[in-house]
C-alpha atoms as a PDB file:
ATOM      1  CA  MET A   1      -3.701 -11.730 -11.995  1.00  0.00           C
ATOM      2  CA  THR A   2      -0.468 -12.597 -10.221  1.00  0.00           C
ATOM      3  CA  PHE A   3       0.738 -11.116  -6.975  1.00  0.00           C
ATOM      4  CA  MET A   4       4.319 -11.438  -5.840  1.00  0.00           C
ATOM      5  CA  ILE A   5       4.905 -10.238  -2.315  1.00  0.00           C
ATOM      6  CA  ILE A   6       8.411 -10.711  -0.984  1.00  0.00           C
ATOM      7  CA  HIS A   7       8.816 -11.013   2.769  1.00  0.00           C
ATOM      8  CA  LYS A   8      11.985 -10.469   4.729  1.00  0.00           C
ATOM      9  CA  THR A   9      11.144 -11.239   8.335  1.00  0.00           C
ATOM     10  CA  ARG A  10       8.540  -8.620   9.262  1.00  0.00           C
ATOM     11  CA  ASN A  11       9.699  -5.993   6.754  1.00  0.00           C
ATOM     12  CA  TYR A  12       7.643  -5.781   3.621  1.00  0.00           C
ATOM     13  CA  ILE A  13       9.984  -5.179   0.712  1.00  0.00           C
ATOM     14  CA  PHE A  14       8.547  -3.321  -2.183  1.00  0.00           C
ATOM     15  CA  PRO A  15       9.167  -5.285  -5.313  1.00  0.00           C
ATOM     16  CA  VAL A  16       5.534  -6.247  -4.926  1.00  0.00           C
ATOM     17  CA  LEU A  17       4.649  -6.119  -8.509  1.00  0.00           C
ATOM     18  CA  LEU A  18       2.647  -3.059  -7.754  1.00  0.00           C
ATOM     19  CA  PHE A  19       1.691  -2.780 -11.360  1.00  0.00           C
ATOM     20  CA  PHE A  20      -0.361  -5.954 -11.023  1.00  0.00           C
ATOM     21  CA  ILE A  21      -2.048  -4.702  -7.891  1.00  0.00           C
ATOM     22  CA  LEU A  22      -2.856  -1.283  -9.264  1.00  0.00           C
ATOM     23  CA  SER A  23      -3.862  -2.579 -12.673  1.00  0.00           C
ATOM     24  CA  GLY A  24      -6.980  -4.002 -11.051  1.00  0.00           C
ATOM     25  CA  LEU A  25      -7.944  -0.717  -9.436  1.00  0.00           C
ATOM     26  CA  ASP A  26     -10.204   1.816 -11.059  1.00  0.00           C
ATOM     27  CA  PHE A  27      -7.667   4.616 -11.040  1.00  0.00           C
ATOM     28  CA  ILE A  28      -4.096   5.257 -12.051  1.00  0.00           C
ATOM     29  CA  ASN A  29      -2.381   7.134  -9.278  1.00  0.00           C
ATOM     30  CA  THR A  30      -0.002   9.870 -10.393  1.00  0.00           C
ATOM     31  CA  SER A  31       0.103  11.592  -6.996  1.00  0.00           C
ATOM     32  CA  PRO A  32       3.364  11.460  -5.015  1.00  0.00           C
ATOM     33  CA  TYR A  33       1.484  10.192  -1.938  1.00  0.00           C
ATOM     34  CA  THR A  34      -1.522   7.973  -1.270  1.00  0.00           C
ATOM     35  CA  LEU A  35      -3.697   7.816   1.822  1.00  0.00           C
ATOM     36  CA  TYR A  36      -5.046   4.271   2.114  1.00  0.00           C
ATOM     37  CA  VAL A  37      -8.134   3.935   4.298  1.00  0.00           C
ATOM     38  CA  PHE A  38      -8.798   0.373   5.484  1.00  0.00           C
ATOM     39  CA  GLU A  39     -12.445   0.242   6.449  1.00  0.00           C
ATOM     40  CA  GLY A  40     -15.426  -1.964   7.070  1.00  0.00           C
ATOM     41  CA  SER A  41     -17.988   0.208   5.334  1.00  0.00           C
ATOM     42  CA  ASP A  42     -21.100  -1.731   6.272  1.00  0.00           C
ATOM     43  CA  TRP A  43     -20.325  -2.697   9.851  1.00  0.00           C
ATOM     44  CA  CYS A  44     -17.626  -0.490  11.446  1.00  0.00           C
ATOM     45  CA  SER A  45     -19.120   2.447  13.365  1.00  0.00           C
ATOM     46  CA  ASN A  46     -15.727   4.171  13.744  1.00  0.00           C
ATOM     47  CA  CYS A  47     -15.225   3.867   9.981  1.00  0.00           C
ATOM     48  CA  ARG A  48     -18.553   5.578   9.350  1.00  0.00           C
ATOM     49  CA  ARG A  49     -17.683   8.296  11.855  1.00  0.00           C
ATOM     50  CA  LEU A  50     -14.341   8.857  10.098  1.00  0.00           C
ATOM     51  CA  GLU A  51     -16.122   9.058   6.760  1.00  0.00           C
ATOM     52  CA  ASN A  52     -18.771  11.502   7.988  1.00  0.00           C
ATOM     53  CA  THR A  53     -16.603  13.758  10.152  1.00  0.00           C
ATOM     54  CA  VAL A  54     -13.356  13.843   8.148  1.00  0.00           C
ATOM     55  CA  LEU A  55     -13.141  12.049   4.796  1.00  0.00           C
ATOM     56  CA  ALA A  56     -16.328  13.488   3.308  1.00  0.00           C
ATOM     57  CA  LYS A  57     -15.560  17.064   4.321  1.00  0.00           C
ATOM     58  CA  GLU A  58     -14.638  19.467   1.527  1.00  0.00           C
ATOM     59  CA  GLU A  59     -11.999  21.058   3.764  1.00  0.00           C
ATOM     60  CA  PHE A  60     -10.214  17.708   4.126  1.00  0.00           C
ATOM     61  CA  LEU A  61     -10.496  16.821   0.436  1.00  0.00           C
ATOM     62  CA  ASP A  62      -9.065  20.239  -0.524  1.00  0.00           C
ATOM     63  CA  PHE A  63      -6.218  19.677   1.927  1.00  0.00           C
ATOM     64  CA  LEU A  64      -5.359  16.357   0.271  1.00  0.00           C
ATOM     65  CA  SER A  65      -5.649  17.828  -3.198  1.00  0.00           C
ATOM     66  CA  LYS A  66      -3.333  20.760  -2.432  1.00  0.00           C
ATOM     67  CA  ARG A  67      -0.700  18.342  -1.145  1.00  0.00           C
ATOM     68  CA  GLU A  68      -1.191  15.960  -4.068  1.00  0.00           C
ATOM     69  CA  ILE A  69      -2.311  13.097  -1.847  1.00  0.00           C
ATOM     70  CA  ALA A  70      -4.584  10.554  -3.499  1.00  0.00           C
ATOM     71  CA  ILE A  71      -7.070   8.721  -1.303  1.00  0.00           C
ATOM     72  CA  HIS A  72      -7.936   5.075  -1.808  1.00  0.00           C
ATOM     73  CA  LYS A  73     -10.379   3.122   0.308  1.00  0.00           C
ATOM     74  CA  ILE A  74      -9.719  -0.553   0.940  1.00  0.00           C
ATOM     75  CA  ASP A  75     -13.034  -2.007   2.052  1.00  0.00           C
ATOM     76  CA  PHE A  76     -13.586  -5.185   4.050  1.00  0.00           C
ATOM     77  CA  PRO A  77     -17.389  -5.342   4.273  1.00  0.00           C
ATOM     78  CA  GLN A  78     -19.354  -8.118   5.949  1.00  0.00           C
ATOM     79  CA  ARG A  79     -22.660  -7.847   4.075  1.00  0.00           C
ATOM     80  CA  ILE A  80     -21.714  -6.179   0.799  1.00  0.00           C
ATOM     81  CA  LYS A  81     -20.577  -8.701  -1.792  1.00  0.00           C
ATOM     82  CA  GLN A  82     -17.177  -8.162  -3.422  1.00  0.00           C
ATOM     83  CA  SER A  83     -15.738  -9.910  -6.428  1.00  0.00           C
ATOM     84  CA  LYS A  84     -12.902 -12.393  -5.949  1.00  0.00           C
ATOM     85  CA  GLU A  85     -10.680  -9.982  -7.846  1.00  0.00           C
ATOM     86  CA  GLU A  86     -11.477  -7.104  -5.485  1.00  0.00           C
ATOM     87  CA  LYS A  87     -10.871  -9.333  -2.447  1.00  0.00           C
ATOM     88  CA  LYS A  88      -7.472 -10.376  -3.843  1.00  0.00           C
ATOM     89  CA  ILE A  89      -6.461  -6.784  -4.515  1.00  0.00           C
ATOM     90  CA  ASN A  90      -7.572  -5.675  -1.039  1.00  0.00           C
ATOM     91  CA  ALA A  91      -5.709  -8.565   0.587  1.00  0.00           C
ATOM     92  CA  ALA A  92      -2.533  -7.796  -1.371  1.00  0.00           C
ATOM     93  CA  ILE A  93      -2.621  -4.117  -0.425  1.00  0.00           C
ATOM     94  CA  ALA A  94      -3.350  -5.032   3.201  1.00  0.00           C
ATOM     95  CA  GLU A  95      -0.362  -7.363   3.249  1.00  0.00           C
ATOM     96  CA  LEU A  96       1.890  -4.817   1.564  1.00  0.00           C
ATOM     97  CA  TYR A  97       1.200  -2.247   4.279  1.00  0.00           C
ATOM     98  CA  ALA A  98       1.171  -4.735   7.192  1.00  0.00           C
ATOM     99  CA  PHE A  99      -2.502  -4.065   7.939  1.00  0.00           C
ATOM    100  CA  ASP A 100      -3.251  -5.539  11.366  1.00  0.00           C
ATOM    101  CA  GLY A 101      -7.033  -5.811  11.089  1.00  0.00           C
ATOM    102  CA  SER A 102      -7.856  -2.711  13.158  1.00  0.00           C
ATOM    103  CA  PHE A 103     -10.610  -0.588  11.663  1.00  0.00           C
ATOM    104  CA  PRO A 104     -10.328   2.078  10.546  1.00  0.00           C
ATOM    105  CA  THR A 105      -6.632   2.139   9.699  1.00  0.00           C
ATOM    106  CA  LEU A 106      -5.087   4.899   7.622  1.00  0.00           C
ATOM    107  CA  ILE A 107      -1.738   4.491   5.898  1.00  0.00           C
ATOM    108  CA  LEU A 108       0.035   7.415   4.267  1.00  0.00           C
ATOM    109  CA  ALA A 109       2.440   6.049   1.689  1.00  0.00           C
ATOM    110  CA  LYS A 110       4.831   7.401  -0.848  1.00  0.00           C
ATOM    111  CA  THR A 111       3.394   6.226  -4.132  1.00  0.00           C
ATOM    112  CA  ASN A 112       5.570   3.567  -5.780  1.00  0.00           C
ATOM    113  CA  ALA A 113       7.895   3.368  -2.781  1.00  0.00           C
ATOM    114  CA  GLN A 114       8.375   1.252   0.294  1.00  0.00           C
ATOM    115  CA  ASN A 115       7.968   4.126   2.767  1.00  0.00           C
ATOM    116  CA  PHE A 116       4.727   4.506   4.678  1.00  0.00           C
ATOM    117  CA  GLU A 117       3.420   5.840   7.969  1.00  0.00           C
ATOM    118  CA  LYS A 118       0.345   4.887   9.959  1.00  0.00           C
ATOM    119  CA  VAL A 119      -2.099   7.734  10.620  1.00  0.00           C
ATOM    120  CA  PHE A 120      -4.129   7.187  13.773  1.00  0.00           C
ATOM    121  CA  TYR A 121      -7.813   7.992  14.062  1.00  0.00           C
ATOM    122  CA  SER A 122      -9.622   8.300  17.371  1.00  0.00           C
ATOM    123  CA  ASN A 123     -12.440  10.729  16.681  1.00  0.00           C
ATOM    124  CA  GLN A 124     -10.178  13.656  15.724  1.00  0.00           C
ATOM    125  CA  SER A 125     -11.444  16.722  13.931  1.00  0.00           C
ATOM    126  CA  VAL A 126     -10.539  17.578  10.347  1.00  0.00           C
ATOM    127  CA  SER A 127      -7.841  20.009  11.508  1.00  0.00           C
ATOM    128  CA  GLN A 128      -6.334  17.434  13.881  1.00  0.00           C
ATOM    129  CA  MET A 129      -6.207  14.834  11.097  1.00  0.00           C
ATOM    130  CA  GLN A 130      -4.652  17.391   8.752  1.00  0.00           C
ATOM    131  CA  GLN A 131      -1.924  18.165  11.281  1.00  0.00           C
ATOM    132  CA  GLN A 132      -1.200  14.491  11.782  1.00  0.00           C
ATOM    133  CA  ILE A 133      -0.841  14.009   8.022  1.00  0.00           C
ATOM    134  CA  ILE A 134       1.489  17.028   7.775  1.00  0.00           C
ATOM    135  CA  ASP A 135       3.654  15.477  10.499  1.00  0.00           C
ATOM    136  CA  LYS A 136       3.687  12.118   8.698  1.00  0.00           C
ATOM    137  CA  LEU A 137       4.568  13.766   5.378  1.00  0.00           C
ATOM    138  CA  LYS A 138       7.702  15.203   7.010  1.00  0.00           C
ATOM    139  CA  LEU A 139       8.723  11.697   8.045  1.00  0.00           C
ATOM    140  CA  LEU A 140       8.229  10.354   4.526  1.00  0.00           C
ATOM    141  CA  GLN A 141      10.422  12.958   2.804  1.00  0.00           C
END
């Protein structure tokens, strides 16, 4: 699999052959937006809190569904083994969205576009996260 990521100073320009990145994933995203969740599933306590208090809640999943927002988790575990392919895909997506290594990080992106917004998590409730995503959606339109 080949990845081509074009850099222009600190701006990440989209002709990342996204097809090659997404072709390795287990879904084909037809939603207009994607919420990427960068997590350390087996070591990050804030990531587990986010999962348990927001991401796993039916109310939050319904909210995403109604707004046609796909969710995709990009995992950087310490103990769980990942294939080389999965590591490459995760690294390419992390680079595309200028992931800074802070866990958890949420990125709301227009699917197949360069536009994205960072969604901040600091122990917010489902309704607070929903409001933040609504605000970010307005910025992406």
